[in-house]
Amino acid sequence: MSNLIKRILSSIILLPLAFFFIIQGSFMLIFFTFTCFLISGYEWHMMTKKKSYKIYGFIFLMISFYAFYELSVEIFSVFFVILICASTDVGGYIFGKIFKGPKLTKISPNKTYAGMIGGYFLSLLVPIITTSFVDYPEISMQLFLISILISTISQVGDIIVSYFKRLSKIKDTGKILPGHGGLLDRIDGMIFAFPIYYLFSLTNYLNS
């Protein structure tokens, strides 16, 4: 319960802060993006140290933060991805703690099938809630499918980062965020979701 409260409080602070910098745009957005990249890069460096795959992680982080920056010109899109990933994380944590049940994978022993379902459930509420607050066309099946895709990528990203943490024999990537650990612990799903969503939006733009 104590850890859950910390996670909720951290999210209450982090999400509005991130949205503030995104809305401000220009120099403020560049500063925010670069700062998050440096912190994530540092945590990855400390986690991998002399591992041979370290450089590939840095390259991936650069691609991911570039995708985030490019998507930020469409505020709804970047907010949508962040909210899907955050709700997936919260839903997975709450449902996993309440229902427990069979483990999803040995890579991340805290992940359960109940948590996976909870992540999907909460993420599917995002398109319903967000579209009611913005001037957006009616909710379509495509929007729900995109939500499921982003939620899936977010959960897979979480597991991938957990895999690298197990290789490094650490529990958290850092201690900067109470209840979450490091910044990478908080954005592990987002760093995978943003590049995929960017490619999706780019494909739609080229086909339009």
Protein backbone atom coordinates (compact mmCIF):
# COMPACT_ATOMS: atom_id res chain seq x y z
CA MET A 1 0.00 0.00 0.00
CA SER A 2 2.86 2.36 0.86
CA ASN A 3 4.51 1.67 -2.50
CA LEU A 4 1.19 2.18 -4.32
CA ILE A 5 0.72 5.59 -2.66
CA LYS A 6 4.25 6.58 -3.69
CA ARG A 7 3.56 5.53 -7.29
CA ILE A 8 0.31 7.48 -7.39
CA LEU A 9 1.90 10.61 -5.90
CA SER A 10 4.82 10.39 -8.31
CA SER A 11 2.43 10.08 -11.25
CA ILE A 12 0.35 13.03 -10.01
CA ILE A 13 3.52 15.15 -10.05
CA LEU A 14 5.20 13.74 -13.15
CA LEU A 15 2.32 13.69 -15.63
CA PRO A 16 1.29 17.37 -15.22
CA LEU A 17 4.97 18.35 -15.28
CA ALA A 18 5.54 16.47 -18.53
CA PHE A 19 2.35 17.89 -20.05
CA PHE A 20 3.42 21.41 -19.04
CA PHE A 21 6.70 21.17 -20.97
CA ILE A 22 4.99 19.57 -23.97
CA ILE A 23 2.35 22.32 -24.14
CA GLN A 24 4.99 25.04 -23.75
CA GLY A 25 6.95 23.60 -26.67
CA SER A 26 9.97 25.35 -28.19
CA PHE A 27 12.98 25.67 -25.86
CA MET A 28 11.08 24.29 -22.85
CA LEU A 29 10.25 21.08 -24.71
CA ILE A 30 13.82 20.69 -25.97
CA PHE A 31 15.12 21.22 -22.43
CA PHE A 32 12.68 18.64 -21.02
CA THR A 33 13.42 16.07 -23.74
CA PHE A 34 17.19 16.46 -23.46
CA THR A 35 17.11 16.29 -19.64
CA CYS A 36 15.07 13.08 -19.69
CA PHE A 37 17.39 11.63 -22.32
CA LEU A 38 20.47 12.42 -20.21
CA ILE A 39 18.95 10.86 -17.08
CA SER A 40 17.82 7.77 -19.00
CA GLY A 41 21.20 7.49 -20.71
CA TYR A 42 23.00 7.75 -17.37
CA GLU A 43 20.80 5.06 -15.82
CA TRP A 44 21.37 2.80 -18.82
CA HIS A 45 25.13 3.44 -18.56
CA MET A 46 25.18 2.55 -14.85
CA MET A 47 23.04 -0.51 -15.46
CA THR A 48 25.03 -1.96 -18.36
CA LYS A 49 28.55 -0.73 -17.49
CA LYS A 50 30.90 -2.93 -19.55
CA LYS A 51 28.21 -4.93 -21.32
CA SER A 52 28.74 -5.33 -25.05
CA TYR A 53 25.18 -4.23 -25.88
CA LYS A 54 25.49 -0.86 -24.11
CA ILE A 55 25.92 1.15 -27.33
CA TYR A 56 22.75 -0.33 -28.85
CA GLY A 57 20.77 0.88 -25.86
CA PHE A 58 22.08 4.41 -26.34
CA ILE A 59 21.17 4.32 -30.03
CA PHE A 60 17.67 3.08 -29.20
CA LEU A 61 17.19 5.83 -26.59
CA MET A 62 18.19 8.46 -29.15
CA ILE A 63 15.65 7.07 -31.63
CA SER A 64 12.97 6.90 -28.95
CA PHE A 65 13.41 10.47 -27.70
CA TYR A 66 13.59 11.74 -31.28
CA ALA A 67 10.23 10.05 -31.95
CA PHE A 68 8.81 11.63 -28.79
CA TYR A 69 10.01 15.09 -29.86
CA GLU A 70 8.61 14.71 -33.38
CA LEU A 71 5.24 13.53 -32.07
CA SER A 72 5.05 16.44 -29.61
CA VAL A 73 3.96 18.77 -32.43
CA GLU A 74 0.65 16.91 -32.27
CA ILE A 75 -0.24 17.37 -28.62
CA PHE A 76 -3.16 14.94 -28.67
CA SER A 77 -0.96 12.16 -30.08
CA VAL A 78 1.81 12.48 -27.51
CA PHE A 79 -0.66 12.87 -24.63
CA PHE A 80 -2.53 9.84 -25.90
CA VAL A 81 0.58 7.63 -25.92
CA ILE A 82 1.69 8.82 -22.46
CA LEU A 83 -1.76 8.23 -20.96
CA ILE A 84 -2.07 4.77 -22.51
CA CYS A 85 1.34 3.74 -21.15
CA ALA A 86 0.67 5.26 -17.72
CA SER A 87 -2.77 3.65 -17.42
CA THR A 88 -1.34 0.31 -18.55
CA ASP A 89 1.28 0.53 -15.82
CA VAL A 90 -1.21 1.54 -13.12
CA GLY A 91 -3.80 -1.03 -14.21
CA GLY A 92 -1.19 -3.77 -14.28
CA TYR A 93 0.09 -2.87 -10.84
CA ILE A 94 -3.35 -2.64 -9.19
CA PHE A 95 -4.88 -5.74 -10.78
CA GLY A 96 -1.69 -7.70 -10.18
CA LYS A 97 -1.68 -6.80 -6.49
CA ILE A 98 -5.40 -7.48 -6.00
CA PHE A 99 -5.91 -10.66 -8.03
CA LYS A 100 -2.34 -12.06 -8.11
CA GLY A 101 -2.59 -15.43 -9.89
CA PRO A 102 -0.23 -17.13 -12.38
CA LYS A 103 3.00 -15.38 -13.34
CA LEU A 104 3.25 -13.98 -16.85
CA THR A 105 6.98 -14.57 -17.32
CA LYS A 106 10.06 -15.57 -15.34
CA ILE A 107 11.88 -12.51 -16.68
CA SER A 108 9.75 -10.23 -14.51
CA PRO A 109 8.34 -12.32 -11.61
CA ASN A 110 5.99 -9.54 -10.45
CA LYS A 111 4.11 -9.61 -13.75
CA THR A 112 0.92 -11.68 -13.74
CA TYR A 113 -1.84 -12.47 -16.23
CA ALA A 114 -4.23 -10.52 -14.01
CA GLY A 115 -1.93 -7.52 -14.22
CA MET A 116 -1.76 -7.83 -18.00
CA ILE A 117 -5.56 -7.85 -18.25
CA GLY A 118 -5.76 -4.91 -15.82
CA GLY A 119 -3.33 -2.97 -17.97
CA TYR A 120 -5.47 -3.53 -21.06
CA PHE A 121 -8.67 -2.70 -19.20
CA LEU A 122 -7.47 0.63 -17.85
CA SER A 123 -5.78 1.60 -21.13
CA LEU A 124 -9.05 1.13 -23.04
CA LEU A 125 -10.68 3.74 -20.82
CA VAL A 126 -8.22 6.36 -22.12
CA PRO A 127 -9.76 6.87 -25.59
CA ILE A 128 -13.20 7.17 -24.00
CA ILE A 129 -12.07 9.76 -21.46
CA THR A 130 -9.66 11.78 -23.61
CA THR A 131 -11.99 12.13 -26.60
CA SER A 132 -14.68 13.53 -24.32
CA PHE A 133 -12.40 16.42 -23.34
CA VAL A 134 -11.00 17.37 -26.75
CA ASP A 135 -12.43 18.24 -30.14
CA TYR A 136 -11.93 14.81 -31.68
CA PRO A 137 -14.09 12.73 -34.01
CA GLU A 138 -16.22 9.98 -32.51
CA ILE A 139 -14.40 7.04 -31.00
CA SER A 140 -13.61 4.52 -33.71
CA MET A 141 -12.57 0.89 -33.67
CA GLN A 142 -9.22 2.03 -35.04
CA LEU A 143 -8.63 4.15 -31.93
CA PHE A 144 -9.34 1.18 -29.67
CA LEU A 145 -7.04 -1.04 -31.73
CA ILE A 146 -4.28 1.57 -31.49
CA SER A 147 -4.83 1.69 -27.72
CA ILE A 148 -4.43 -2.10 -27.50
CA LEU A 149 -1.30 -1.93 -29.67
CA ILE A 150 0.32 0.78 -27.55
CA SER A 151 -0.64 -1.04 -24.33
CA THR A 152 0.88 -4.26 -25.68
CA ILE A 153 4.11 -2.52 -26.69
CA SER A 154 4.25 -0.79 -23.32
CA GLN A 155 3.95 -4.10 -21.48
CA VAL A 156 6.53 -5.76 -23.72
CA GLY A 157 8.88 -2.81 -23.19
CA ASP A 158 8.47 -3.18 -19.44
CA ILE A 159 9.46 -6.84 -19.68
CA ILE A 160 12.45 -6.08 -21.93
CA VAL A 161 13.84 -3.52 -19.48
CA SER A 162 13.21 -6.00 -16.65
CA TYR A 163 15.26 -8.54 -18.61
CA PHE A 164 18.24 -6.18 -18.79
CA LYS A 165 17.86 -5.38 -15.09
CA ARG A 166 18.03 -9.10 -14.31
CA LEU A 167 21.17 -9.39 -16.42
CA SER A 168 22.68 -6.57 -14.37
CA LYS A 169 21.30 -8.08 -11.11
CA ILE A 170 19.55 -4.90 -10.01
CA LYS A 171 15.96 -4.23 -8.91
CA ASP A 172 15.61 -0.63 -10.15
CA THR A 173 17.46 1.45 -12.73
CA GLY A 174 17.85 4.27 -10.20
CA LYS A 175 16.34 5.99 -7.16
CA ILE A 176 15.23 9.33 -8.57
CA LEU A 177 11.48 8.57 -8.36
CA PRO A 178 9.87 7.37 -5.10
CA GLY A 179 7.84 4.23 -5.67
CA HIS A 180 9.20 3.79 -9.19
CA GLY A 181 12.97 3.66 -8.88
CA GLY A 182 14.73 5.29 -11.81
CA LEU A 183 13.36 7.25 -14.72
CA LEU A 184 13.81 4.22 -16.98
CA ASP A 185 11.65 2.22 -14.58
CA ARG A 186 8.87 4.76 -15.17
CA ILE A 187 9.19 5.21 -18.93
CA ASP A 188 10.26 1.68 -19.92
CA GLY A 189 7.03 1.15 -21.84
CA MET A 190 6.98 4.64 -23.36
CA ILE A 191 10.45 4.42 -24.90
CA PHE A 192 9.18 1.49 -26.98
CA ALA A 193 5.71 2.88 -27.64
CA PHE A 194 6.82 6.24 -29.05
CA PRO A 195 8.94 4.89 -31.95
CA ILE A 196 6.20 2.43 -32.96
CA TYR A 197 3.48 5.08 -32.80
CA TYR A 198 5.70 7.50 -34.73
CA LEU A 199 6.17 4.94 -37.51
CA PHE A 200 2.43 4.32 -37.52
CA SER A 201 1.62 8.03 -37.81
CA LEU A 202 4.31 8.48 -40.47
CA THR A 203 2.85 5.61 -42.52
CA ASN A 204 -0.64 7.12 -42.27
CA TYR A 205 0.72 10.51 -43.33
CA LEU A 206 2.47 9.06 -46.40
CA ASN A 207 -0.65 7.13 -47.38
CA SER A 208 -2.99 10.10 -46.98
